[in-house]
Amino acid sequence: MATVKDDGGPFNADVSAFIDSKQNPTSDKDVPVYTSSDATIATVAPSTDPADPQGGVVTLTGKLGNVDIVATFPGGFACTGNLNVIPGAAASAQMVFSGPGIVPDAAPAP
């Protein structure tokens, strides 16, 4: 899992450390199909970098939550990464006055 701020990205999704059914290191040159478990949180598209044909590019929408990014390979296996999207740095706030002399729900002065 990776934790990211909602104003971050786009992020690269890279697939590596391939192993075979006997847990031995191997390689795979196939290009995966990328999907997002929740496109309202993050979308994913194939990399446009010719040097990274197995990569994906993840773009956040600004919504908070957890999303799985899945790379499915033609050989029938998939690789999943999870993103936990949290709020970014404060950009605005609200001021509230309280104390003696405050008139609640008063109309603004002309």
PDB file of N, CA and C in Angstrom:
ATOM      1  N   MET A   1       0.849  -1.168   0.000  1.00  0.00           N
ATOM      2  CA  MET A   1       0.000   0.000   0.000  1.00  0.00           C
ATOM      3  C   MET A   1       0.897   1.235   0.000  1.00  0.00           C
ATOM      4  N   ALA A   2       0.436   2.234  -0.716  1.00  0.00           N
ATOM      5  CA  ALA A   2       1.094   3.536  -0.713  1.00  0.00           C
ATOM      6  C   ALA A   2       0.074   4.570  -0.271  1.00  0.00           C
ATOM      7  N   THR A   3       0.499   5.491   0.578  1.00  0.00           N
ATOM      8  CA  THR A   3      -0.366   6.579   0.998  1.00  0.00           C
ATOM      9  C   THR A   3       0.048   7.824   0.239  1.00  0.00           C
ATOM     10  N   VAL A   4      -0.936   8.486  -0.377  1.00  0.00           N
ATOM     11  CA  VAL A   4      -0.667   9.670  -1.200  1.00  0.00           C
ATOM     12  C   VAL A   4      -1.634  10.779  -0.824  1.00  0.00           C
ATOM     13  N   LYS A   5      -1.197  12.026  -0.995  1.00  0.00           N
ATOM     14  CA  LYS A   5      -2.080  13.158  -0.757  1.00  0.00           C
ATOM     15  C   LYS A   5      -2.942  13.402  -1.989  1.00  0.00           C
ATOM     16  N   ASP A   6      -4.165  13.885  -1.761  1.00  0.00           N
ATOM     17  CA  ASP A   6      -5.140  14.036  -2.842  1.00  0.00           C
ATOM     18  C   ASP A   6      -4.731  15.032  -3.914  1.00  0.00           C
ATOM     19  N   ASP A   7      -3.715  15.849  -3.644  1.00  0.00           N
ATOM     20  CA  ASP A   7      -3.257  16.805  -4.645  1.00  0.00           C
ATOM     21  C   ASP A   7      -1.962  16.349  -5.317  1.00  0.00           C
ATOM     22  N   GLY A   8      -1.598  15.081  -5.112  1.00  0.00           N
ATOM     23  CA  GLY A   8      -0.373  14.548  -5.692  1.00  0.00           C
ATOM     24  C   GLY A   8      -0.584  13.937  -7.067  1.00  0.00           C
ATOM     25  N   GLY A   9       0.507  13.551  -7.667  1.00  0.00           N
ATOM     26  CA  GLY A   9       0.478  12.827  -8.933  1.00  0.00           C
ATOM     27  C   GLY A   9       0.582  13.724 -10.144  1.00  0.00           C
ATOM     28  N   PRO A  10       0.428  13.127 -11.311  1.00  0.00           N
ATOM     29  CA  PRO A  10       0.197  11.696 -11.561  1.00  0.00           C
ATOM     30  C   PRO A  10       1.368  10.839 -11.082  1.00  0.00           C
ATOM     31  N   PHE A  11       1.053   9.567 -10.814  1.00  0.00           N
ATOM     32  CA  PHE A  11       2.024   8.608 -10.317  1.00  0.00           C
ATOM     33  C   PHE A  11       2.255   7.527 -11.355  1.00  0.00           C
ATOM     34  N   ASN A  12       3.471   6.994 -11.366  1.00  0.00           N
ATOM     35  CA  ASN A  12       3.779   5.862 -12.238  1.00  0.00           C
ATOM     36  C   ASN A  12       3.515   4.567 -11.487  1.00  0.00           C
ATOM     37  N   ALA A  13       2.926   3.606 -12.168  1.00  0.00           N
ATOM     38  CA  ALA A  13       2.730   2.254 -11.632  1.00  0.00           C
ATOM     39  C   ALA A  13       3.677   1.343 -12.406  1.00  0.00           C
ATOM     40  N   ASP A  14       4.624   0.763 -11.710  1.00  0.00           N
ATOM     41  CA  ASP A  14       5.599  -0.107 -12.351  1.00  0.00           C
ATOM     42  C   ASP A  14       5.464  -1.522 -11.817  1.00  0.00           C
ATOM     43  N   VAL A  15       5.509  -2.493 -12.709  1.00  0.00           N
ATOM     44  CA  VAL A  15       5.411  -3.903 -12.336  1.00  0.00           C
ATOM     45  C   VAL A  15       6.804  -4.511 -12.475  1.00  0.00           C
ATOM     46  N   SER A  16       7.242  -5.219 -11.437  1.00  0.00           N
ATOM     47  CA  SER A  16       8.572  -5.828 -11.469  1.00  0.00           C
ATOM     48  C   SER A  16       8.574  -7.081 -10.597  1.00  0.00           C
ATOM     49  N   ALA A  17       9.752  -7.689 -10.469  1.00  0.00           N
ATOM     50  CA  ALA A  17       9.966  -8.873  -9.623  1.00  0.00           C
ATOM     51  C   ALA A  17       9.045 -10.034 -10.020  1.00  0.00           C
ATOM     52  N   PHE A  18       9.013 -10.344 -11.302  1.00  0.00           N
ATOM     53  CA  PHE A  18       8.214 -11.465 -11.790  1.00  0.00           C
ATOM     54  C   PHE A  18       8.787 -12.785 -11.269  1.00  0.00           C
ATOM     55  N   ILE A  19       7.889 -13.701 -10.902  1.00  0.00           N
ATOM     56  CA  ILE A  19       8.286 -15.055 -10.506  1.00  0.00           C
ATOM     57  C   ILE A  19       7.386 -16.058 -11.225  1.00  0.00           C
ATOM     58  N   ASP A  20       7.907 -17.274 -11.411  1.00  0.00           N
ATOM     59  CA  ASP A  20       7.100 -18.313 -12.046  1.00  0.00           C
ATOM     60  C   ASP A  20       6.336 -19.103 -10.983  1.00  0.00           C
ATOM     61  N   SER A  21       5.635 -20.138 -11.401  1.00  0.00           N
ATOM     62  CA  SER A  21       4.793 -20.910 -10.474  1.00  0.00           C
ATOM     63  C   SER A  21       5.608 -21.653  -9.408  1.00  0.00           C
ATOM     64  N   LYS A  22       6.913 -21.773  -9.605  1.00  0.00           N
ATOM     65  CA  LYS A  22       7.803 -22.434  -8.632  1.00  0.00           C
ATOM     66  C   LYS A  22       8.566 -21.401  -7.799  1.00  0.00           C
ATOM     67  N   GLN A  23       8.146 -20.138  -7.876  1.00  0.00           N
ATOM     68  CA  GLN A  23       8.755 -19.038  -7.126  1.00  0.00           C
ATOM     69  C   GLN A  23      10.158 -18.658  -7.601  1.00  0.00           C
ATOM     70  N   ASN A  24      10.489 -19.017  -8.849  1.00  0.00           N
ATOM     71  CA  ASN A  24      11.785 -18.656  -9.417  1.00  0.00           C
ATOM     72  C   ASN A  24      11.672 -17.340 -10.178  1.00  0.00           C
ATOM     73  N   PRO A  25      12.695 -16.490 -10.095  1.00  0.00           N
ATOM     74  CA  PRO A  25      12.665 -15.223 -10.838  1.00  0.00           C
ATOM     75  C   PRO A  25      12.544 -15.481 -12.336  1.00  0.00           C
ATOM     76  N   THR A  26      11.756 -14.664 -12.991  1.00  0.00           N
ATOM     77  CA  THR A  26      11.590 -14.765 -14.438  1.00  0.00           C
ATOM     78  C   THR A  26      11.288 -13.377 -14.977  1.00  0.00           C
ATOM     79  N   SER A  27      10.957 -13.291 -16.236  1.00  0.00           N
ATOM     80  CA  SER A  27      10.594 -12.004 -16.832  1.00  0.00           C
ATOM     81  C   SER A  27       9.333 -12.184 -17.662  1.00  0.00           C
ATOM     82  N   ASP A  28       8.715 -11.093 -18.006  1.00  0.00           N
ATOM     83  CA  ASP A  28       7.503 -11.106 -18.828  1.00  0.00           C
ATOM     84  C   ASP A  28       7.517  -9.843 -19.664  1.00  0.00           C
ATOM     85  N   LYS A  29       7.370  -9.984 -20.939  1.00  0.00           N
ATOM     86  CA  LYS A  29       7.410  -8.835 -21.845  1.00  0.00           C
ATOM     87  C   LYS A  29       6.017  -8.380 -22.281  1.00  0.00           C
ATOM     88  N   ASP A  30       4.979  -9.099 -21.846  1.00  0.00           N
ATOM     89  CA  ASP A  30       3.619  -8.744 -22.250  1.00  0.00           C
ATOM     90  C   ASP A  30       3.207  -7.391 -21.669  1.00  0.00           C
ATOM     91  N   VAL A  31       2.303  -6.733 -22.365  1.00  0.00           N
ATOM     92  CA  VAL A  31       1.772  -5.442 -21.911  1.00  0.00           C
ATOM     93  C   VAL A  31       0.470  -5.711 -21.159  1.00  0.00           C
ATOM     94  N   PRO A  32       0.372  -5.260 -19.905  1.00  0.00           N
ATOM     95  CA  PRO A  32      -0.843  -5.519 -19.120  1.00  0.00           C
ATOM     96  C   PRO A  32      -1.969  -4.557 -19.457  1.00  0.00           C
ATOM     97  N   VAL A  33      -3.158  -4.941 -19.035  1.00  0.00           N
ATOM     98  CA  VAL A  33      -4.320  -4.051 -19.083  1.00  0.00           C
ATOM     99  C   VAL A  33      -4.502  -3.510 -17.669  1.00  0.00           C
ATOM    100  N   TYR A  34      -4.518  -2.186 -17.534  1.00  0.00           N
ATOM    101  CA  TYR A  34      -4.668  -1.559 -16.226  1.00  0.00           C
ATOM    102  C   TYR A  34      -6.119  -1.198 -15.946  1.00  0.00           C
ATOM    103  N   THR A  35      -6.538  -1.407 -14.686  1.00  0.00           N
ATOM    104  CA  THR A  35      -7.874  -1.000 -14.243  1.00  0.00           C
ATOM    105  C   THR A  35      -7.783  -0.399 -12.845  1.00  0.00           C
ATOM    106  N   SER A  36      -8.788   0.396 -12.517  1.00  0.00           N
ATOM    107  CA  SER A  36      -8.918   0.991 -11.192  1.00  0.00           C
ATOM    108  C   SER A  36     -10.175   0.435 -10.548  1.00  0.00           C
ATOM    109  N   SER A  37     -10.091   0.109  -9.256  1.00  0.00           N
ATOM    110  CA  SER A  37     -11.274  -0.414  -8.567  1.00  0.00           C
ATOM    111  C   SER A  37     -12.303   0.686  -8.299  1.00  0.00           C
ATOM    112  N   ASP A  38     -11.884   1.945  -8.370  1.00  0.00           N
ATOM    113  CA  ASP A  38     -12.804   3.067  -8.141  1.00  0.00           C
ATOM    114  C   ASP A  38     -12.312   4.291  -8.897  1.00  0.00           C
ATOM    115  N   ALA A  39     -12.840   4.470 -10.103  1.00  0.00           N
ATOM    116  CA  ALA A  39     -12.415   5.588 -10.952  1.00  0.00           C
ATOM    117  C   ALA A  39     -12.836   6.945 -10.403  1.00  0.00           C
ATOM    118  N   THR A  40     -13.676   6.970  -9.352  1.00  0.00           N
ATOM    119  CA  THR A  40     -13.999   8.259  -8.736  1.00  0.00           C
ATOM    120  C   THR A  40     -12.862   8.722  -7.821  1.00  0.00           C
ATOM    121  N   ILE A  41     -11.942   7.819  -7.471  1.00  0.00           N
ATOM    122  CA  ILE A  41     -10.781   8.161  -6.642  1.00  0.00           C
ATOM    123  C   ILE A  41      -9.528   8.306  -7.502  1.00  0.00           C
ATOM    124  N   ALA A  42      -9.305   7.357  -8.408  1.00  0.00           N
ATOM    125  CA  ALA A  42      -8.122   7.388  -9.273  1.00  0.00           C
ATOM    126  C   ALA A  42      -8.416   6.670 -10.575  1.00  0.00           C
ATOM    127  N   THR A  43      -7.866   7.209 -11.643  1.00  0.00           N
ATOM    128  CA  THR A  43      -7.937   6.544 -12.941  1.00  0.00           C
ATOM    129  C   THR A  43      -6.523   6.075 -13.292  1.00  0.00           C
ATOM    130  N   VAL A  44      -6.447   5.131 -14.224  1.00  0.00           N
ATOM    131  CA  VAL A  44      -5.145   4.618 -14.643  1.00  0.00           C
ATOM    132  C   VAL A  44      -5.176   4.386 -16.145  1.00  0.00           C
ATOM    133  N   ALA A  45      -4.063   4.717 -16.780  1.00  0.00           N
ATOM    134  CA  ALA A  45      -3.925   4.540 -18.223  1.00  0.00           C
ATOM    135  C   ALA A  45      -2.556   3.916 -18.487  1.00  0.00           C
ATOM    136  N   PRO A  46      -2.409   3.244 -19.623  1.00  0.00           N
ATOM    137  CA  PRO A  46      -1.096   2.688 -19.958  1.00  0.00           C
ATOM    138  C   PRO A  46      -0.066   3.809 -20.105  1.00  0.00           C
ATOM    139  N   SER A  47       1.168   3.496 -19.784  1.00  0.00           N
ATOM    140  CA  SER A  47       2.248   4.460 -19.967  1.00  0.00           C
ATOM    141  C   SER A  47       2.409   4.771 -21.448  1.00  0.00           C
ATOM    142  N   THR A  48       2.721   6.007 -21.754  1.00  0.00           N
ATOM    143  CA  THR A  48       2.998   6.393 -23.146  1.00  0.00           C
ATOM    144  C   THR A  48       4.500   6.426 -23.406  1.00  0.00           C
ATOM    145  N   ASP A  49       5.282   6.045 -22.403  1.00  0.00           N
ATOM    146  CA  ASP A  49       6.735   6.014 -22.526  1.00  0.00           C
ATOM    147  C   ASP A  49       7.152   4.708 -23.198  1.00  0.00           C
ATOM    148  N   PRO A  50       7.718   4.764 -24.404  1.00  0.00           N
ATOM    149  CA  PRO A  50       8.121   3.520 -25.086  1.00  0.00           C
ATOM    150  C   PRO A  50       9.131   2.692 -24.287  1.00  0.00           C
ATOM    151  N   ALA A  51       9.857   3.326 -23.383  1.00  0.00           N
ATOM    152  CA  ALA A  51      10.830   2.610 -22.565  1.00  0.00           C
ATOM    153  C   ALA A  51      10.166   1.866 -21.403  1.00  0.00           C
ATOM    154  N   ASP A  52       8.868   2.114 -21.184  1.00  0.00           N
ATOM    155  CA  ASP A  52       8.151   1.476 -20.068  1.00  0.00           C
ATOM    156  C   ASP A  52       6.804   0.937 -20.543  1.00  0.00           C
ATOM    157  N   PRO A  53       6.806  -0.050 -21.450  1.00  0.00           N
ATOM    158  CA  PRO A  53       5.537  -0.547 -22.014  1.00  0.00           C
ATOM    159  C   PRO A  53       4.646  -1.270 -21.011  1.00  0.00           C
ATOM    160  N   GLN A  54       5.204  -1.698 -19.880  1.00  0.00           N
ATOM    161  CA  GLN A  54       4.396  -2.381 -18.868  1.00  0.00           C
ATOM    162  C   GLN A  54       3.899  -1.429 -17.789  1.00  0.00           C
ATOM    163  N   GLY A  55       4.266  -0.175 -17.854  1.00  0.00           N
ATOM    164  CA  GLY A  55       3.906   0.795 -16.829  1.00  0.00           C
ATOM    165  C   GLY A  55       2.514   1.364 -17.012  1.00  0.00           C
ATOM    166  N   GLY A  56       2.027   1.959 -15.947  1.00  0.00           N
ATOM    167  CA  GLY A  56       0.746   2.657 -15.975  1.00  0.00           C
ATOM    168  C   GLY A  56       0.920   4.032 -15.356  1.00  0.00           C
ATOM    169  N   VAL A  57      -0.010   4.926 -15.661  1.00  0.00           N
ATOM    170  CA  VAL A  57       0.003   6.276 -15.103  1.00  0.00           C
ATOM    171  C   VAL A  57      -1.303   6.463 -14.331  1.00  0.00           C
ATOM    172  N   VAL A  58      -1.176   6.731 -13.031  1.00  0.00           N
ATOM    173  CA  VAL A  58      -2.328   6.881 -12.139  1.00  0.00           C
ATOM    174  C   VAL A  58      -2.569   8.354 -11.882  1.00  0.00           C
ATOM    175  N   THR A  59      -3.815   8.784 -12.097  1.00  0.00           N
ATOM    176  CA  THR A  59      -4.205  10.171 -11.871  1.00  0.00           C
ATOM    177  C   THR A  59      -5.298  10.217 -10.816  1.00  0.00           C
ATOM    178  N   LEU A  60      -5.077  11.031  -9.788  1.00  0.00           N
ATOM    179  CA  LEU A  60      -6.070  11.175  -8.717  1.00  0.00           C
ATOM    180  C   LEU A  60      -7.147  12.171  -9.118  1.00  0.00           C
ATOM    181  N   THR A  61      -8.353  11.967  -8.587  1.00  0.00           N
ATOM    182  CA  THR A  61      -9.480  12.851  -8.906  1.00  0.00           C
ATOM    183  C   THR A  61      -9.705  13.920  -7.841  1.00  0.00           C
ATOM    184  N   GLY A  62      -9.121  13.742  -6.658  1.00  0.00           N
ATOM    185  CA  GLY A  62      -9.352  14.654  -5.547  1.00  0.00           C
ATOM    186  C   GLY A  62     -10.222  14.052  -4.459  1.00  0.00           C
ATOM    187  N   LYS A  63     -10.864  12.922  -4.761  1.00  0.00           N
ATOM    188  CA  LYS A  63     -11.689  12.238  -3.766  1.00  0.00           C
ATOM    189  C   LYS A  63     -10.792  11.396  -2.861  1.00  0.00           C
ATOM    190  N   LEU A  64     -11.146  11.303  -1.582  1.00  0.00           N
ATOM    191  CA  LEU A  64     -10.378  10.526  -0.618  1.00  0.00           C
ATOM    192  C   LEU A  64     -10.862   9.079  -0.570  1.00  0.00           C
ATOM    193  N   GLY A  65      -9.963   8.174  -0.163  1.00  0.00           N
ATOM    194  CA  GLY A  65     -10.349   6.778   0.014  1.00  0.00           C
ATOM    195  C   GLY A  65      -9.263   5.832  -0.443  1.00  0.00           C
ATOM    196  N   ASN A  66      -9.598   4.550  -0.470  1.00  0.00           N
ATOM    197  CA  ASN A  66      -8.679   3.498  -0.918  1.00  0.00           C
ATOM    198  C   ASN A  66      -9.089   3.026  -2.298  1.00  0.00           C
ATOM    199  N   VAL A  67      -8.091   2.774  -3.124  1.00  0.00           N
ATOM    200  CA  VAL A  67      -8.346   2.303  -4.476  1.00  0.00           C
ATOM    201  C   VAL A  67      -7.275   1.287  -4.853  1.00  0.00           C
ATOM    202  N   ASP A  68      -7.701   0.216  -5.524  1.00  0.00           N
ATOM    203  CA  ASP A  68      -6.767  -0.782  -6.043  1.00  0.00           C
ATOM    204  C   ASP A  68      -6.489  -0.494  -7.506  1.00  0.00           C
ATOM    205  N   ILE A  69      -5.219  -0.505  -7.870  1.00  0.00           N
ATOM    206  CA  ILE A  69      -4.797  -0.401  -9.264  1.00  0.00           C
ATOM    207  C   ILE A  69      -4.329  -1.790  -9.668  1.00  0.00           C
ATOM    208  N   VAL A  70      -4.922  -2.327 -10.722  1.00  0.00           N
ATOM    209  CA  VAL A  70      -4.658  -3.715 -11.116  1.00  0.00           C
ATOM    210  C   VAL A  70      -4.074  -3.753 -12.521  1.00  0.00           C
ATOM    211  N   ALA A  71      -2.979  -4.492 -12.667  1.00  0.00           N
ATOM    212  CA  ALA A  71      -2.379  -4.765 -13.975  1.00  0.00           C
ATOM    213  C   ALA A  71      -2.630  -6.235 -14.282  1.00  0.00           C
ATOM    214  N   THR A  72      -3.440  -6.515 -15.308  1.00  0.00           N
ATOM    215  CA  THR A  72      -3.763  -7.890 -15.687  1.00  0.00           C
ATOM    216  C   THR A  72      -2.980  -8.250 -16.946  1.00  0.00           C
ATOM    217  N   PHE A  73      -2.237  -9.335 -16.865  1.00  0.00           N
ATOM    218  CA  PHE A  73      -1.388  -9.761 -17.977  1.00  0.00           C
ATOM    219  C   PHE A  73      -2.076 -10.819 -18.825  1.00  0.00           C
ATOM    220  N   PRO A  74      -1.744 -10.872 -20.125  1.00  0.00           N
ATOM    221  CA  PRO A  74      -2.367 -11.854 -21.023  1.00  0.00           C
ATOM    222  C   PRO A  74      -2.190 -13.302 -20.557  1.00  0.00           C
ATOM    223  N   GLY A  75      -1.145 -13.589 -19.790  1.00  0.00           N
ATOM    224  CA  GLY A  75      -0.915 -14.947 -19.298  1.00  0.00           C
ATOM    225  C   GLY A  75      -1.893 -15.378 -18.222  1.00  0.00           C
ATOM    226  N   GLY A  76      -2.771 -14.465 -17.778  1.00  0.00           N
ATOM    227  CA  GLY A  76      -3.805 -14.833 -16.828  1.00  0.00           C
ATOM    228  C   GLY A  76      -3.520 -14.459 -15.382  1.00  0.00           C
ATOM    229  N   PHE A  77      -2.437 -13.764 -15.126  1.00  0.00           N
ATOM    230  CA  PHE A  77      -2.176 -13.342 -13.752  1.00  0.00           C
ATOM    231  C   PHE A  77      -2.310 -11.822 -13.652  1.00  0.00           C
ATOM    232  N   ALA A  78      -2.498 -11.368 -12.431  1.00  0.00           N
ATOM    233  CA  ALA A  78      -2.672  -9.936 -12.188  1.00  0.00           C
ATOM    234  C   ALA A  78      -1.799  -9.496 -11.024  1.00  0.00           C
ATOM    235  N   CYS A  79      -1.451  -8.258 -11.037  1.00  0.00           N
ATOM    236  CA  CYS A  79      -0.659  -7.635  -9.980  1.00  0.00           C
ATOM    237  C   CYS A  79      -1.462  -6.440  -9.466  1.00  0.00           C
ATOM    238  N   THR A  80      -1.649  -6.350  -8.137  1.00  0.00           N
ATOM    239  CA  THR A  80      -2.491  -5.298  -7.555  1.00  0.00           C
ATOM    240  C   THR A  80      -1.682  -4.428  -6.598  1.00  0.00           C
ATOM    241  N   GLY A  81      -1.881  -3.131  -6.717  1.00  0.00           N
ATOM    242  CA  GLY A  81      -1.300  -2.174  -5.775  1.00  0.00           C
ATOM    243  C   GLY A  81      -2.420  -1.329  -5.191  1.00  0.00           C
ATOM    244  N   ASN A  82      -2.308  -0.998  -3.905  1.00  0.00           N
ATOM    245  CA  ASN A  82      -3.351  -0.227  -3.236  1.00  0.00           C
ATOM    246  C   ASN A  82      -2.850   1.165  -2.918  1.00  0.00           C
ATOM    247  N   LEU A  83      -3.684   2.165  -3.200  1.00  0.00           N
ATOM    248  CA  LEU A  83      -3.401   3.551  -2.846  1.00  0.00           C
ATOM    249  C   LEU A  83      -4.395   4.009  -1.792  1.00  0.00           C
ATOM    250  N   ASN A  84      -3.886   4.620  -0.732  1.00  0.00           N
ATOM    251  CA  ASN A  84      -4.706   5.236   0.304  1.00  0.00           C
ATOM    252  C   ASN A  84      -4.585   6.740   0.093  1.00  0.00           C
ATOM    253  N   VAL A  85      -5.652   7.376  -0.381  1.00  0.00           N
ATOM    254  CA  VAL A  85      -5.620   8.801  -0.705  1.00  0.00           C
ATOM    255  C   VAL A  85      -6.121   9.591   0.500  1.00  0.00           C
ATOM    256  N   ILE A  86      -5.245  10.474   1.005  1.00  0.00           N
ATOM    257  CA  ILE A  86      -5.541  11.277   2.193  1.00  0.00           C
ATOM    258  C   ILE A  86      -5.582  12.754   1.823  1.00  0.00           C
ATOM    259  N   PRO A  87      -6.115  13.616   2.704  1.00  0.00           N
ATOM    260  CA  PRO A  87      -6.159  15.048   2.396  1.00  0.00           C
ATOM    261  C   PRO A  87      -4.765  15.651   2.250  1.00  0.00           C
ATOM    262  N   GLY A  88      -4.659  16.632   1.375  1.00  0.00           N
ATOM    263  CA  GLY A  88      -3.416  17.370   1.206  1.00  0.00           C
ATOM    264  C   GLY A  88      -3.300  18.460   2.269  1.00  0.00           C
ATOM    265  N   ALA A  89      -2.343  19.356   2.077  1.00  0.00           N
ATOM    266  CA  ALA A  89      -2.126  20.458   3.018  1.00  0.00           C
ATOM    267  C   ALA A  89      -3.310  21.419   2.991  1.00  0.00           C
ATOM    268  N   ALA A  90      -3.550  22.069   4.118  1.00  0.00           N
ATOM    269  CA  ALA A  90      -4.646  23.037   4.210  1.00  0.00           C
ATOM    270  C   ALA A  90      -4.445  24.158   3.193  1.00  0.00           C
ATOM    271  N   ALA A  91      -5.530  24.541   2.521  1.00  0.00           N
ATOM    272  CA  ALA A  91      -5.486  25.615   1.531  1.00  0.00           C
ATOM    273  C   ALA A  91      -6.463  26.731   1.871  1.00  0.00           C
ATOM    274  N   SER A  92      -7.341  26.499   2.844  1.00  0.00           N
ATOM    275  CA  SER A  92      -8.347  27.479   3.223  1.00  0.00           C
ATOM    276  C   SER A  92      -8.861  27.110   4.606  1.00  0.00           C
ATOM    277  N   ALA A  93      -9.586  28.034   5.237  1.00  0.00           N
ATOM    278  CA  ALA A  93     -10.154  27.774   6.555  1.00  0.00           C
ATOM    279  C   ALA A  93     -11.343  28.699   6.777  1.00  0.00           C
ATOM    280  N   GLN A  94     -12.015  28.516   7.874  1.00  0.00           N
ATOM    281  CA  GLN A  94     -13.155  29.343   8.251  1.00  0.00           C
ATOM    282  C   GLN A  94     -12.879  29.914   9.637  1.00  0.00           C
ATOM    283  N   MET A  95     -13.208  31.193   9.832  1.00  0.00           N
ATOM    284  CA  MET A  95     -13.042  31.807  11.142  1.00  0.00           C
ATOM    285  C   MET A  95     -14.409  31.957  11.787  1.00  0.00           C
ATOM    286  N   VAL A  96     -14.488  31.629  13.074  1.00  0.00           N
ATOM    287  CA  VAL A  96     -15.724  31.746  13.832  1.00  0.00           C
ATOM    288  C   VAL A  96     -15.421  32.562  15.084  1.00  0.00           C
ATOM    289  N   PHE A  97     -16.274  33.546  15.369  1.00  0.00           N
ATOM    290  CA  PHE A  97     -16.115  34.369  16.566  1.00  0.00           C
ATOM    291  C   PHE A  97     -17.042  33.867  17.657  1.00  0.00           C
ATOM    292  N   SER A  98     -16.555  33.910  18.894  1.00  0.00           N
ATOM    293  CA  SER A  98     -17.375  33.533  20.030  1.00  0.00           C
ATOM    294  C   SER A  98     -16.953  34.374  21.224  1.00  0.00           C
ATOM    295  N   GLY A  99     -17.829  34.459  22.206  1.00  0.00           N
ATOM    296  CA  GLY A  99     -17.497  35.191  23.412  1.00  0.00           C
ATOM    297  C   GLY A  99     -18.533  36.247  23.727  1.00  0.00           C
ATOM    298  N   PRO A 100     -18.320  37.013  24.815  1.00  0.00           N
ATOM    299  CA  PRO A 100     -19.274  38.042  25.238  1.00  0.00           C
ATOM    300  C   PRO A 100     -19.476  39.090  24.151  1.00  0.00           C
ATOM    301  N   GLY A 101     -20.725  39.481  23.934  1.00  0.00           N
ATOM    302  CA  GLY A 101     -21.056  40.524  22.967  1.00  0.00           C
ATOM    303  C   GLY A 101     -21.377  40.021  21.573  1.00  0.00           C
ATOM    304  N   ILE A 102     -21.151  38.745  21.305  1.00  0.00           N
ATOM    305  CA  ILE A 102     -21.493  38.199  19.986  1.00  0.00           C
ATOM    306  C   ILE A 102     -23.001  38.024  19.921  1.00  0.00           C
ATOM    307  N   VAL A 103     -23.627  38.574  18.881  1.00  0.00           N
ATOM    308  CA  VAL A 103     -25.077  38.469  18.692  1.00  0.00           C
ATOM    309  C   VAL A 103     -25.293  37.350  17.669  1.00  0.00           C
ATOM    310  N   PRO A 104     -25.840  36.211  18.122  1.00  0.00           N
ATOM    311  CA  PRO A 104     -26.051  35.096  17.189  1.00  0.00           C
ATOM    312  C   PRO A 104     -27.105  35.433  16.142  1.00  0.00           C
ATOM    313  N   ASP A 105     -26.861  35.010  14.928  1.00  0.00           N
ATOM    314  CA  ASP A 105     -27.806  35.134  13.808  1.00  0.00           C
ATOM    315  C   ASP A 105     -28.239  36.563  13.542  1.00  0.00           C
ATOM    316  N   ALA A 106     -27.417  37.565  13.847  1.00  0.00           N
ATOM    317  CA  ALA A 106     -27.755  38.964  13.572  1.00  0.00           C
ATOM    318  C   ALA A 106     -27.585  39.250  12.087  1.00  0.00           C
ATOM    319  N   ALA A 107     -28.413  40.111  11.530  1.00  0.00           N
ATOM    320  CA  ALA A 107     -28.305  40.522  10.131  1.00  0.00           C
ATOM    321  C   ALA A 107     -27.049  41.381   9.975  1.00  0.00           C
ATOM    322  N   PRO A 108     -26.405  41.302   8.838  1.00  0.00           N
ATOM    323  CA  PRO A 108     -25.206  42.126   8.607  1.00  0.00           C
ATOM    324  C   PRO A 108     -25.559  43.623   8.623  1.00  0.00           C
ATOM    325  N   ALA A 109     -24.606  44.426   9.058  1.00  0.00           N
ATOM    326  CA  ALA A 109     -24.805  45.886   9.095  1.00  0.00           C
ATOM    327  C   ALA A 109     -24.904  46.406   7.662  1.00  0.00           C
ATOM    328  N   PRO A 110     -25.706  47.463   7.450  1.00  0.00           N
ATOM    329  CA  PRO A 110     -25.841  48.016   6.081  1.00  0.00           C
ATOM    330  C   PRO A 110     -24.566  48.668   5.601  1.00  0.00           C
TER     331      PRO A 110
END
